N, C-alpha and C. Protein backbone atom coordinates (compact mmCIF):
# COMPACT_ATOMS: atom_id res chain seq x y z
N MET A 1 29.50 6.60 2.50
CA MET A 1 28.75 6.39 3.72
C MET A 1 29.26 5.13 4.43
N GLU A 2 29.61 5.29 5.69
CA GLU A 2 30.12 4.15 6.47
C GLU A 2 28.97 3.21 6.83
N VAL A 3 29.20 1.92 6.64
CA VAL A 3 28.17 0.92 6.90
C VAL A 3 28.49 0.21 8.22
N THR A 4 27.50 0.14 9.12
CA THR A 4 27.69 -0.51 10.41
C THR A 4 27.73 -2.02 10.25
N LEU A 5 28.20 -2.71 11.29
CA LEU A 5 28.24 -4.17 11.27
C LEU A 5 26.84 -4.76 11.13
N LEU A 6 25.87 -4.15 11.81
CA LEU A 6 24.49 -4.64 11.70
C LEU A 6 23.95 -4.48 10.28
N ALA A 7 24.23 -3.35 9.68
CA ALA A 7 23.79 -3.11 8.30
C ALA A 7 24.45 -4.10 7.35
N GLU A 8 25.73 -4.36 7.56
CA GLU A 8 26.44 -5.34 6.73
C GLU A 8 25.84 -6.73 6.90
N TRP A 9 25.49 -7.08 8.14
CA TRP A 9 24.89 -8.39 8.40
C TRP A 9 23.55 -8.51 7.70
N LEU A 10 22.71 -7.46 7.79
CA LEU A 10 21.41 -7.48 7.11
C LEU A 10 21.60 -7.63 5.60
N ASN A 11 22.53 -6.87 5.04
CA ASN A 11 22.77 -6.93 3.59
C ASN A 11 23.22 -8.32 3.16
N SER A 12 23.99 -8.98 4.02
CA SER A 12 24.50 -10.31 3.70
C SER A 12 23.46 -11.40 3.96
N ALA A 13 22.85 -11.38 5.15
CA ALA A 13 21.91 -12.43 5.55
C ALA A 13 20.66 -12.45 4.68
N PHE A 14 20.22 -11.28 4.23
CA PHE A 14 18.97 -11.21 3.47
C PHE A 14 19.20 -10.90 1.99
N ALA A 15 20.44 -11.02 1.54
CA ALA A 15 20.78 -10.63 0.16
C ALA A 15 19.89 -11.32 -0.87
N GLN A 16 19.77 -12.64 -0.79
CA GLN A 16 18.99 -13.37 -1.79
C GLN A 16 17.50 -13.07 -1.66
N TYR A 17 17.00 -13.06 -0.41
CA TYR A 17 15.58 -12.74 -0.15
C TYR A 17 15.24 -11.37 -0.73
N ASP A 18 16.07 -10.37 -0.42
CA ASP A 18 15.82 -9.02 -0.89
C ASP A 18 15.87 -8.95 -2.42
N TYR A 19 16.87 -9.58 -3.01
CA TYR A 19 17.04 -9.52 -4.46
C TYR A 19 15.87 -10.14 -5.20
N ILE A 20 15.44 -11.32 -4.76
CA ILE A 20 14.35 -12.04 -5.44
C ILE A 20 13.08 -11.19 -5.49
N ILE A 21 12.73 -10.59 -4.35
CA ILE A 21 11.50 -9.79 -4.28
C ILE A 21 11.63 -8.50 -5.08
N LEU A 22 12.76 -7.80 -4.92
CA LEU A 22 12.94 -6.55 -5.66
C LEU A 22 13.00 -6.79 -7.17
N LYS A 23 13.61 -7.89 -7.56
CA LYS A 23 13.67 -8.23 -9.00
C LYS A 23 12.27 -8.51 -9.54
N ALA A 24 11.47 -9.24 -8.78
CA ALA A 24 10.09 -9.55 -9.20
C ALA A 24 9.29 -8.26 -9.36
N LEU A 25 9.46 -7.31 -8.45
CA LEU A 25 8.72 -6.06 -8.54
C LEU A 25 9.24 -5.19 -9.68
N HIS A 26 10.54 -5.23 -9.92
CA HIS A 26 11.08 -4.50 -11.08
C HIS A 26 10.53 -5.11 -12.38
N ASP A 27 10.50 -6.43 -12.45
CA ASP A 27 9.95 -7.11 -13.63
C ASP A 27 8.49 -6.73 -13.84
N LEU A 28 7.75 -6.61 -12.72
CA LEU A 28 6.35 -6.20 -12.79
C LEU A 28 6.25 -4.78 -13.36
N ALA A 29 7.12 -3.90 -12.88
CA ALA A 29 7.12 -2.51 -13.37
C ALA A 29 7.43 -2.45 -14.86
N VAL A 30 8.38 -3.26 -15.29
CA VAL A 30 8.75 -3.30 -16.71
C VAL A 30 7.60 -3.86 -17.53
N ALA A 31 7.01 -4.98 -17.07
CA ALA A 31 5.93 -5.64 -17.82
C ALA A 31 4.70 -4.75 -17.96
N THR A 32 4.43 -3.93 -16.94
CA THR A 32 3.24 -3.05 -16.98
C THR A 32 3.59 -1.65 -17.46
N GLU A 33 4.86 -1.47 -17.87
CA GLU A 33 5.35 -0.18 -18.35
C GLU A 33 5.08 0.94 -17.34
N GLY A 34 5.22 0.61 -16.06
CA GLY A 34 5.07 1.60 -15.00
C GLY A 34 3.64 2.01 -14.70
N ALA A 35 2.66 1.27 -15.22
CA ALA A 35 1.26 1.64 -15.03
C ALA A 35 0.84 1.61 -13.56
N LEU A 36 1.50 0.77 -12.76
CA LEU A 36 1.15 0.65 -11.34
C LEU A 36 1.85 1.70 -10.46
N THR A 37 2.80 2.42 -11.05
CA THR A 37 3.58 3.38 -10.26
C THR A 37 2.72 4.43 -9.55
N PRO A 38 1.75 5.08 -10.21
CA PRO A 38 0.93 6.07 -9.49
C PRO A 38 0.17 5.47 -8.30
N PHE A 39 -0.30 4.24 -8.45
CA PHE A 39 -1.02 3.58 -7.35
C PHE A 39 -0.10 3.37 -6.16
N PHE A 40 1.09 2.83 -6.42
CA PHE A 40 2.02 2.57 -5.31
C PHE A 40 2.57 3.87 -4.71
N GLN A 41 2.69 4.91 -5.51
CA GLN A 41 3.09 6.21 -4.97
C GLN A 41 2.00 6.75 -4.05
N TRP A 42 0.74 6.56 -4.43
CA TRP A 42 -0.37 7.02 -3.60
C TRP A 42 -0.39 6.29 -2.27
N ILE A 43 -0.23 4.96 -2.32
CA ILE A 43 -0.19 4.17 -1.08
C ILE A 43 0.95 4.65 -0.19
N SER A 44 2.12 4.83 -0.79
CA SER A 44 3.29 5.28 -0.05
C SER A 44 3.08 6.66 0.56
N ASN A 45 2.50 7.57 -0.20
CA ASN A 45 2.25 8.93 0.30
C ASN A 45 1.23 8.94 1.44
N PHE A 46 0.28 8.01 1.40
CA PHE A 46 -0.71 7.90 2.48
C PHE A 46 -0.02 7.64 3.82
N GLY A 47 1.06 6.86 3.77
CA GLY A 47 1.77 6.51 5.00
C GLY A 47 2.93 7.40 5.35
N LYS A 48 3.14 8.47 4.57
CA LYS A 48 4.27 9.37 4.83
C LYS A 48 4.13 10.02 6.20
N MET A 49 5.14 9.82 7.04
CA MET A 49 5.17 10.34 8.40
C MET A 49 3.96 9.88 9.23
N GLY A 50 3.34 8.78 8.80
CA GLY A 50 2.18 8.26 9.53
C GLY A 50 0.94 9.13 9.43
N ILE A 51 0.92 10.06 8.47
CA ILE A 51 -0.17 11.04 8.37
C ILE A 51 -1.52 10.35 8.18
N GLY A 52 -1.59 9.37 7.27
CA GLY A 52 -2.85 8.67 7.03
C GLY A 52 -3.36 7.97 8.28
N GLU A 53 -2.44 7.31 8.99
CA GLU A 53 -2.82 6.59 10.21
C GLU A 53 -3.24 7.57 11.31
N ILE A 54 -2.54 8.70 11.40
CA ILE A 54 -2.89 9.71 12.41
C ILE A 54 -4.28 10.28 12.13
N LEU A 55 -4.56 10.58 10.86
CA LEU A 55 -5.89 11.10 10.50
C LEU A 55 -6.98 10.09 10.83
N LEU A 56 -6.70 8.81 10.58
CA LEU A 56 -7.66 7.76 10.93
C LEU A 56 -7.88 7.72 12.44
N GLY A 57 -6.80 7.80 13.20
CA GLY A 57 -6.92 7.81 14.67
C GLY A 57 -7.74 8.98 15.16
N LEU A 58 -7.52 10.16 14.58
CA LEU A 58 -8.29 11.36 14.98
C LEU A 58 -9.76 11.21 14.62
N LEU A 59 -10.03 10.57 13.47
CA LEU A 59 -11.42 10.31 13.08
C LEU A 59 -12.09 9.37 14.09
N LEU A 60 -11.38 8.34 14.51
CA LEU A 60 -11.93 7.39 15.47
C LEU A 60 -12.20 8.05 16.83
N LEU A 61 -11.44 9.08 17.16
CA LEU A 61 -11.65 9.80 18.41
C LEU A 61 -12.98 10.55 18.44
N CYS A 62 -13.52 10.84 17.27
CA CYS A 62 -14.75 11.64 17.18
C CYS A 62 -16.00 10.89 17.62
N PHE A 63 -15.91 9.57 17.72
CA PHE A 63 -17.09 8.77 18.06
C PHE A 63 -16.83 7.99 19.35
N LYS A 64 -17.79 8.04 20.25
CA LYS A 64 -17.63 7.41 21.56
C LYS A 64 -17.31 5.93 21.45
N ARG A 65 -17.97 5.25 20.51
CA ARG A 65 -17.80 3.80 20.36
C ARG A 65 -16.39 3.41 19.91
N THR A 66 -15.73 4.31 19.20
CA THR A 66 -14.39 3.99 18.66
C THR A 66 -13.28 4.82 19.31
N ARG A 67 -13.64 5.58 20.35
CA ARG A 67 -12.64 6.49 20.96
C ARG A 67 -11.44 5.74 21.53
N LYS A 68 -11.68 4.64 22.22
CA LYS A 68 -10.58 3.87 22.80
C LYS A 68 -9.65 3.35 21.70
N THR A 69 -10.23 2.87 20.62
CA THR A 69 -9.43 2.39 19.49
C THR A 69 -8.60 3.51 18.91
N GLY A 70 -9.19 4.70 18.80
CA GLY A 70 -8.47 5.85 18.27
C GLY A 70 -7.27 6.23 19.12
N VAL A 71 -7.47 6.25 20.45
CA VAL A 71 -6.36 6.57 21.36
C VAL A 71 -5.28 5.51 21.26
N CYS A 72 -5.69 4.24 21.24
CA CYS A 72 -4.74 3.12 21.14
C CYS A 72 -3.96 3.20 19.83
N LEU A 73 -4.65 3.53 18.74
CA LEU A 73 -4.00 3.64 17.43
C LEU A 73 -2.96 4.76 17.43
N LEU A 74 -3.34 5.93 17.93
CA LEU A 74 -2.42 7.07 17.95
C LEU A 74 -1.20 6.78 18.83
N LEU A 75 -1.43 6.14 19.96
CA LEU A 75 -0.32 5.78 20.84
C LEU A 75 0.59 4.76 20.15
N ALA A 76 -0.02 3.79 19.47
CA ALA A 76 0.76 2.76 18.77
C ALA A 76 1.63 3.37 17.67
N VAL A 77 1.07 4.30 16.90
CA VAL A 77 1.83 4.95 15.83
C VAL A 77 2.98 5.78 16.42
N ALA A 78 2.70 6.46 17.54
CA ALA A 78 3.75 7.26 18.20
C ALA A 78 4.87 6.35 18.71
N LEU A 79 4.50 5.24 19.34
CA LEU A 79 5.50 4.29 19.84
C LEU A 79 6.30 3.69 18.68
N GLY A 80 5.60 3.37 17.59
CA GLY A 80 6.27 2.83 16.41
C GLY A 80 7.30 3.80 15.84
N ALA A 81 6.93 5.08 15.81
CA ALA A 81 7.86 6.11 15.31
C ALA A 81 9.08 6.22 16.23
N LEU A 82 8.84 6.12 17.52
CA LEU A 82 9.93 6.18 18.50
C LEU A 82 10.89 5.00 18.31
N ILE A 83 10.31 3.80 18.21
CA ILE A 83 11.12 2.59 18.04
C ILE A 83 11.92 2.65 16.74
N THR A 84 11.22 2.98 15.66
CA THR A 84 11.83 2.92 14.33
C THR A 84 12.72 4.11 14.01
N ASN A 85 12.13 5.30 14.03
CA ASN A 85 12.85 6.48 13.52
C ASN A 85 13.85 7.08 14.52
N VAL A 86 13.58 6.91 15.81
CA VAL A 86 14.47 7.51 16.80
C VAL A 86 15.55 6.53 17.25
N ILE A 87 15.17 5.26 17.44
CA ILE A 87 16.12 4.30 18.01
C ILE A 87 16.78 3.42 16.95
N VAL A 88 16.00 2.54 16.32
CA VAL A 88 16.57 1.48 15.49
C VAL A 88 17.25 1.99 14.22
N LYS A 89 16.59 2.90 13.48
CA LYS A 89 17.19 3.38 12.21
C LYS A 89 18.58 3.95 12.42
N ASN A 90 18.73 4.79 13.43
CA ASN A 90 20.02 5.43 13.66
C ASN A 90 21.06 4.45 14.20
N TYR A 91 20.60 3.44 14.93
CA TYR A 91 21.53 2.45 15.49
C TYR A 91 22.04 1.50 14.39
N VAL A 92 21.12 1.02 13.56
CA VAL A 92 21.49 0.09 12.49
C VAL A 92 22.18 0.83 11.34
N ALA A 93 21.66 2.02 11.01
CA ALA A 93 22.24 2.88 9.96
C ALA A 93 22.45 2.15 8.64
N ARG A 94 21.43 1.46 8.18
CA ARG A 94 21.51 0.75 6.90
C ARG A 94 21.19 1.70 5.75
N PRO A 95 22.11 1.89 4.81
CA PRO A 95 21.83 2.77 3.66
C PRO A 95 20.70 2.20 2.80
N ARG A 96 19.98 3.09 2.16
CA ARG A 96 18.87 2.66 1.29
C ARG A 96 19.43 1.95 0.05
N PRO A 97 18.63 1.07 -0.57
CA PRO A 97 19.11 0.26 -1.69
C PRO A 97 19.66 1.08 -2.86
N PHE A 98 19.07 2.24 -3.12
CA PHE A 98 19.46 3.02 -4.30
C PHE A 98 20.72 3.86 -4.10
N LEU A 99 21.26 3.90 -2.89
CA LEU A 99 22.41 4.76 -2.63
C LEU A 99 23.71 4.25 -3.24
N ASP A 100 23.76 2.95 -3.53
CA ASP A 100 24.93 2.41 -4.23
C ASP A 100 24.73 2.65 -5.72
N THR A 101 25.32 3.73 -6.23
CA THR A 101 25.08 4.12 -7.62
C THR A 101 25.71 3.18 -8.64
N THR A 102 26.49 2.21 -8.16
CA THR A 102 27.07 1.22 -9.08
C THR A 102 26.25 -0.07 -9.10
N GLY A 103 25.23 -0.15 -8.27
CA GLY A 103 24.46 -1.39 -8.14
C GLY A 103 23.21 -1.42 -8.99
N ILE A 104 22.63 -2.61 -9.10
CA ILE A 104 21.43 -2.82 -9.91
C ILE A 104 20.21 -2.13 -9.30
N TYR A 105 20.16 -2.04 -7.96
CA TYR A 105 19.01 -1.40 -7.32
C TYR A 105 18.91 0.08 -7.70
N TYR A 106 20.06 0.70 -7.90
CA TYR A 106 20.08 2.10 -8.33
C TYR A 106 19.43 2.24 -9.71
N GLU A 107 19.74 1.32 -10.60
CA GLU A 107 19.14 1.34 -11.95
C GLU A 107 17.63 1.13 -11.87
N TRP A 108 17.23 0.19 -11.05
CA TRP A 108 15.79 -0.10 -10.90
C TRP A 108 15.07 1.09 -10.27
N TRP A 109 15.73 1.73 -9.31
CA TRP A 109 15.16 2.91 -8.63
C TRP A 109 14.97 4.04 -9.65
N LYS A 110 15.95 4.26 -10.52
CA LYS A 110 15.84 5.29 -11.55
C LYS A 110 14.70 4.96 -12.52
N PHE A 111 14.57 3.69 -12.87
CA PHE A 111 13.53 3.27 -13.81
C PHE A 111 12.14 3.60 -13.27
N ILE A 112 11.95 3.44 -11.97
CA ILE A 112 10.63 3.63 -11.37
C ILE A 112 10.34 5.09 -11.04
N GLY A 113 11.31 5.97 -11.20
CA GLY A 113 11.06 7.39 -10.97
C GLY A 113 12.07 8.08 -10.07
N GLY A 114 12.94 7.32 -9.42
CA GLY A 114 14.00 7.91 -8.61
C GLY A 114 13.52 8.81 -7.49
N ILE A 115 12.55 8.31 -6.70
CA ILE A 115 12.01 9.10 -5.59
C ILE A 115 13.04 9.18 -4.46
N LYS A 116 13.38 10.39 -4.07
CA LYS A 116 14.37 10.60 -3.00
C LYS A 116 13.75 10.30 -1.65
N GLN A 117 14.57 9.71 -0.78
CA GLN A 117 14.15 9.42 0.59
C GLN A 117 15.31 9.75 1.52
N ALA A 118 14.99 10.35 2.64
CA ALA A 118 16.01 10.69 3.63
C ALA A 118 16.13 9.55 4.65
N GLU A 119 17.00 9.71 5.60
CA GLU A 119 17.21 8.77 6.69
C GLU A 119 17.72 7.42 6.19
N TYR A 120 17.77 6.51 7.13
CA TYR A 120 18.26 5.18 6.83
C TYR A 120 17.11 4.26 6.43
N SER A 121 17.48 3.02 6.09
CA SER A 121 16.53 2.10 5.47
C SER A 121 15.82 1.15 6.44
N PHE A 122 16.53 0.67 7.46
CA PHE A 122 15.97 -0.38 8.32
C PHE A 122 15.60 0.15 9.69
N PRO A 123 14.36 -0.15 10.14
CA PRO A 123 13.23 -0.76 9.42
C PRO A 123 12.40 0.29 8.70
N SER A 124 11.45 -0.15 7.92
CA SER A 124 10.58 0.77 7.18
C SER A 124 9.63 1.49 8.12
N GLY A 125 9.74 2.82 8.17
CA GLY A 125 8.85 3.61 9.02
C GLY A 125 7.41 3.57 8.53
N HIS A 126 7.23 3.58 7.20
CA HIS A 126 5.88 3.50 6.64
C HIS A 126 5.18 2.20 7.07
N THR A 127 5.92 1.09 6.98
CA THR A 127 5.34 -0.20 7.34
C THR A 127 5.12 -0.30 8.84
N THR A 128 6.04 0.27 9.62
CA THR A 128 5.86 0.28 11.08
C THR A 128 4.56 0.98 11.44
N ALA A 129 4.33 2.16 10.87
CA ALA A 129 3.11 2.92 11.18
C ALA A 129 1.86 2.16 10.76
N ALA A 130 1.90 1.56 9.56
CA ALA A 130 0.75 0.80 9.07
C ALA A 130 0.46 -0.39 9.98
N MET A 131 1.50 -1.13 10.35
CA MET A 131 1.32 -2.31 11.20
C MET A 131 0.89 -1.93 12.61
N ALA A 132 1.43 -0.85 13.14
CA ALA A 132 1.05 -0.39 14.48
C ALA A 132 -0.44 -0.03 14.50
N ALA A 133 -0.89 0.71 13.48
CA ALA A 133 -2.30 1.11 13.40
C ALA A 133 -3.22 -0.10 13.26
N VAL A 134 -2.86 -1.00 12.36
CA VAL A 134 -3.69 -2.19 12.12
C VAL A 134 -3.73 -3.08 13.36
N THR A 135 -2.59 -3.26 14.02
CA THR A 135 -2.55 -4.08 15.24
C THR A 135 -3.45 -3.48 16.31
N ALA A 136 -3.39 -2.16 16.48
CA ALA A 136 -4.24 -1.49 17.48
C ALA A 136 -5.71 -1.69 17.17
N ILE A 137 -6.10 -1.55 15.91
CA ILE A 137 -7.51 -1.73 15.53
C ILE A 137 -7.94 -3.17 15.76
N ILE A 138 -7.13 -4.13 15.34
CA ILE A 138 -7.49 -5.54 15.47
C ILE A 138 -7.64 -5.95 16.93
N LEU A 139 -6.73 -5.48 17.79
CA LEU A 139 -6.79 -5.83 19.21
C LEU A 139 -8.00 -5.23 19.91
N ASN A 140 -8.52 -4.13 19.37
CA ASN A 140 -9.66 -3.44 19.99
C ASN A 140 -11.00 -3.78 19.33
N SER A 141 -10.96 -4.64 18.32
CA SER A 141 -12.18 -4.94 17.57
C SER A 141 -12.55 -6.42 17.67
N LYS A 142 -13.84 -6.66 17.58
CA LYS A 142 -14.31 -8.04 17.57
C LYS A 142 -14.92 -8.40 16.21
N ASN A 143 -14.84 -7.46 15.28
CA ASN A 143 -15.39 -7.66 13.95
C ASN A 143 -14.65 -8.80 13.25
N LYS A 144 -15.41 -9.76 12.69
CA LYS A 144 -14.77 -10.93 12.09
C LYS A 144 -13.99 -10.58 10.82
N TRP A 145 -14.25 -9.41 10.23
CA TRP A 145 -13.56 -8.99 9.01
C TRP A 145 -12.30 -8.16 9.30
N ARG A 146 -11.97 -7.97 10.57
CA ARG A 146 -10.84 -7.09 10.93
C ARG A 146 -9.51 -7.55 10.34
N TRP A 147 -9.38 -8.84 10.09
CA TRP A 147 -8.10 -9.36 9.56
C TRP A 147 -7.81 -8.87 8.15
N VAL A 148 -8.84 -8.41 7.45
CA VAL A 148 -8.66 -7.88 6.09
C VAL A 148 -7.75 -6.65 6.11
N LEU A 149 -7.68 -5.98 7.27
CA LEU A 149 -6.84 -4.79 7.39
C LEU A 149 -5.36 -5.08 7.12
N PHE A 150 -4.95 -6.34 7.28
CA PHE A 150 -3.56 -6.68 7.00
C PHE A 150 -3.20 -6.44 5.53
N LEU A 151 -4.21 -6.38 4.66
CA LEU A 151 -3.95 -6.08 3.25
C LEU A 151 -3.31 -4.70 3.11
N PHE A 152 -3.71 -3.77 3.99
CA PHE A 152 -3.13 -2.43 3.96
C PHE A 152 -1.63 -2.49 4.27
N VAL A 153 -1.27 -3.29 5.26
CA VAL A 153 0.14 -3.45 5.62
C VAL A 153 0.92 -4.05 4.46
N ILE A 154 0.33 -5.08 3.84
CA ILE A 154 0.99 -5.74 2.70
C ILE A 154 1.19 -4.76 1.55
N LEU A 155 0.14 -3.99 1.23
CA LEU A 155 0.24 -3.01 0.15
C LEU A 155 1.28 -1.93 0.46
N MET A 156 1.34 -1.51 1.73
CA MET A 156 2.33 -0.50 2.11
C MET A 156 3.74 -1.05 1.90
N GLY A 157 3.96 -2.28 2.36
CA GLY A 157 5.26 -2.90 2.19
C GLY A 157 5.64 -3.05 0.72
N ILE A 158 4.69 -3.54 -0.07
CA ILE A 158 4.94 -3.71 -1.51
C ILE A 158 5.25 -2.37 -2.16
N SER A 159 4.51 -1.33 -1.78
CA SER A 159 4.73 -0.01 -2.39
C SER A 159 6.14 0.49 -2.12
N ARG A 160 6.64 0.28 -0.90
CA ARG A 160 7.98 0.75 -0.56
C ARG A 160 9.06 -0.04 -1.32
N ASN A 161 8.80 -1.32 -1.54
CA ASN A 161 9.73 -2.13 -2.33
C ASN A 161 9.62 -1.83 -3.82
N TYR A 162 8.40 -1.67 -4.31
CA TYR A 162 8.18 -1.36 -5.72
C TYR A 162 8.91 -0.07 -6.11
N LEU A 163 8.87 0.92 -5.21
CA LEU A 163 9.53 2.21 -5.46
C LEU A 163 11.03 2.15 -5.21
N MET A 164 11.52 0.98 -4.79
CA MET A 164 12.95 0.72 -4.58
C MET A 164 13.59 1.62 -3.52
N VAL A 165 12.80 2.00 -2.52
CA VAL A 165 13.35 2.83 -1.44
C VAL A 165 13.62 2.03 -0.18
N HIS A 166 13.24 0.76 -0.18
CA HIS A 166 13.47 -0.13 0.95
C HIS A 166 13.79 -1.54 0.45
N TYR A 167 14.58 -2.24 1.24
CA TYR A 167 14.76 -3.68 1.03
C TYR A 167 13.55 -4.41 1.61
N PRO A 168 13.18 -5.58 1.07
CA PRO A 168 12.11 -6.37 1.68
C PRO A 168 12.37 -6.71 3.15
N SER A 169 13.64 -6.89 3.52
CA SER A 169 13.94 -7.16 4.94
C SER A 169 13.64 -5.95 5.81
N ASP A 170 13.67 -4.74 5.25
CA ASP A 170 13.25 -3.54 5.99
C ASP A 170 11.77 -3.62 6.33
N ILE A 171 11.01 -4.20 5.40
CA ILE A 171 9.56 -4.34 5.60
C ILE A 171 9.30 -5.32 6.74
N LEU A 172 10.05 -6.42 6.77
CA LEU A 172 9.90 -7.38 7.88
C LEU A 172 10.20 -6.70 9.21
N GLY A 173 11.26 -5.87 9.23
CA GLY A 173 11.59 -5.13 10.44
C GLY A 173 10.47 -4.19 10.85
N GLY A 174 9.85 -3.53 9.88
CA GLY A 174 8.73 -2.63 10.15
C GLY A 174 7.52 -3.37 10.70
N ILE A 175 7.27 -4.56 10.17
CA ILE A 175 6.14 -5.37 10.66
C ILE A 175 6.37 -5.76 12.11
N LEU A 176 7.59 -6.16 12.44
CA LEU A 176 7.91 -6.52 13.83
C LEU A 176 7.80 -5.31 14.76
N ALA A 177 8.36 -4.18 14.34
CA ALA A 177 8.31 -2.97 15.17
C ALA A 177 6.88 -2.49 15.35
N GLY A 178 6.08 -2.53 14.29
CA GLY A 178 4.69 -2.09 14.36
C GLY A 178 3.85 -3.01 15.24
N THR A 179 4.10 -4.31 15.14
CA THR A 179 3.38 -5.27 15.99
C THR A 179 3.69 -5.01 17.46
N LEU A 180 4.97 -4.83 17.77
CA LEU A 180 5.38 -4.54 19.14
C LEU A 180 4.71 -3.26 19.63
N ALA A 181 4.74 -2.21 18.82
CA ALA A 181 4.13 -0.93 19.20
C ALA A 181 2.64 -1.08 19.45
N GLY A 182 1.95 -1.84 18.59
CA GLY A 182 0.52 -2.05 18.75
C GLY A 182 0.18 -2.79 20.04
N TYR A 183 0.95 -3.83 20.35
CA TYR A 183 0.69 -4.60 21.57
C TYR A 183 1.02 -3.81 22.82
N VAL A 184 2.12 -3.04 22.80
CA VAL A 184 2.47 -2.22 23.96
C VAL A 184 1.40 -1.16 24.20
N SER A 185 0.92 -0.55 23.13
CA SER A 185 -0.14 0.45 23.24
C SER A 185 -1.41 -0.16 23.83
N PHE A 186 -1.78 -1.34 23.34
CA PHE A 186 -2.97 -2.02 23.85
C PHE A 186 -2.80 -2.37 25.33
N PHE A 187 -1.61 -2.83 25.70
CA PHE A 187 -1.31 -3.16 27.10
C PHE A 187 -1.44 -1.92 27.99
N ILE A 188 -0.89 -0.80 27.54
CA ILE A 188 -0.97 0.45 28.31
C ILE A 188 -2.42 0.88 28.49
N MET A 189 -3.19 0.83 27.40
CA MET A 189 -4.61 1.22 27.47
C MET A 189 -5.38 0.30 28.41
N ASP A 190 -5.04 -0.98 28.39
CA ASP A 190 -5.70 -1.97 29.27
C ASP A 190 -5.42 -1.67 30.73
N ARG A 191 -4.15 -1.32 31.04
CA ARG A 191 -3.77 -1.00 32.42
C ARG A 191 -4.47 0.27 32.89
N ILE A 192 -4.57 1.26 31.99
CA ILE A 192 -5.26 2.52 32.35
C ILE A 192 -6.72 2.24 32.63
N LYS A 193 -7.33 1.38 31.80
CA LYS A 193 -8.76 1.04 31.99
C LYS A 193 -8.96 0.34 33.33
N GLU A 194 -8.03 -0.54 33.72
CA GLU A 194 -8.13 -1.24 35.00
C GLU A 194 -8.05 -0.28 36.18
N LYS A 195 -7.17 0.71 36.08
CA LYS A 195 -6.97 1.66 37.18
C LYS A 195 -8.10 2.66 37.31
N THR A 196 -8.69 3.02 36.15
CA THR A 196 -9.75 4.05 36.17
C THR A 196 -11.14 3.43 36.25
N GLY A 197 -11.23 2.13 36.06
CA GLY A 197 -12.52 1.46 36.13
C GLY A 197 -13.29 1.70 34.87
């Protein structure tokens, strides 16, 4: 697989950061004898193709009080998917950590179950969707506990790294893409509200 200049730069610039975190998670998997694997697989599956976030958005649409948040969330997830899966992933074309069958990440990926993943690695689509949804909810809510929702984003990122299907720097990219998508969605909804009264 041909590696782009951007992918090479990411691999080089974040090499130590990525290794330290992935090693810590591999050590955790070894120390717990894989006991946490089902939990992290469940978290990861919840965010597959943004299905969990989409279902939450549809649920929020059912109630008048949360309808605006639901629309904003769904728009944010859609924008996040556009940014991540349609534009950035194909442009950067960073191979996933486990694709180098001679590397240590491949061994760690096999140890944790060897879950296959398609497409490229940067940024994490799962994390983008989680961050887009959480950003949309936080921007539309005044609840003082809304910041706790960031735990979901953190768990999603950890799950993708624990399963060795993403580099930690992919998670950072997903957080940035999701934040942008959430803010753009909120801005669009705000402009529509201004025009429609």
